[in-house]
Amino acid sequence: MMHLFRSLFRICTGQICHSIDDELLTRVLYYSYMILNIISYDA
């Protein structure tokens, strides 16, 4: 799942992605995914 998010993120941002730390990017996407799960679960 994280691989999918990172692939989509790379496609969307292009070269900008190279300036972002990979670990930080993965962490941000992970927490965003968890938050979305919580929101959709509550709804």
Protein backbone atom coordinates (compact mmCIF):
# COMPACT_ATOMS: atom_id res chain seq x y z
CA MET A 1 0.00 0.00 0.00
CA MET A 2 2.79 2.44 0.87
CA HIS A 3 4.48 1.60 -2.42
CA LEU A 4 1.31 2.61 -4.24
CA PHE A 5 1.08 5.93 -2.38
CA ARG A 6 4.74 6.72 -3.03
CA SER A 7 4.41 5.86 -6.70
CA LEU A 8 1.37 8.12 -7.06
CA PHE A 9 3.14 10.86 -5.13
CA ARG A 10 6.19 10.64 -7.40
CA ILE A 11 3.97 10.80 -10.49
CA CYS A 12 2.11 13.85 -9.13
CA THR A 13 5.13 15.85 -7.96
CA GLY A 14 7.73 14.88 -10.55
CA GLN A 15 11.22 16.18 -9.80
CA ILE A 16 10.14 17.89 -6.55
CA CYS A 17 10.05 14.46 -4.92
CA HIS A 18 13.83 14.14 -5.11
CA SER A 19 14.28 16.99 -2.65
CA ILE A 20 12.03 15.31 -0.08
CA ASP A 21 13.47 12.79 2.37
CA ASP A 22 12.09 9.34 1.54
CA GLU A 23 11.57 8.28 5.15
CA LEU A 24 9.74 11.50 5.99
CA LEU A 25 7.58 11.13 2.89
CA THR A 26 6.66 7.57 3.80
CA ARG A 27 5.83 8.61 7.39
CA VAL A 28 3.62 11.51 6.26
CA LEU A 29 1.75 9.31 3.79
CA TYR A 30 1.32 6.60 6.43
CA TYR A 31 -0.22 8.95 8.96
CA SER A 32 -2.39 10.55 6.29
CA TYR A 33 -3.63 7.08 5.35
CA MET A 34 -4.39 6.24 9.00
CA ILE A 35 -6.26 9.53 9.50
CA LEU A 36 -8.32 8.92 6.36
CA ASN A 37 -9.18 5.44 7.66
CA ILE A 38 -10.35 6.89 10.97
CA ILE A 39 -12.43 9.56 9.24
CA SER A 40 -14.08 7.11 6.85
CA TYR A 41 -14.68 4.68 9.73
CA ASP A 42 -16.39 7.33 11.85
CA ALA A 43 -18.52 8.42 8.90
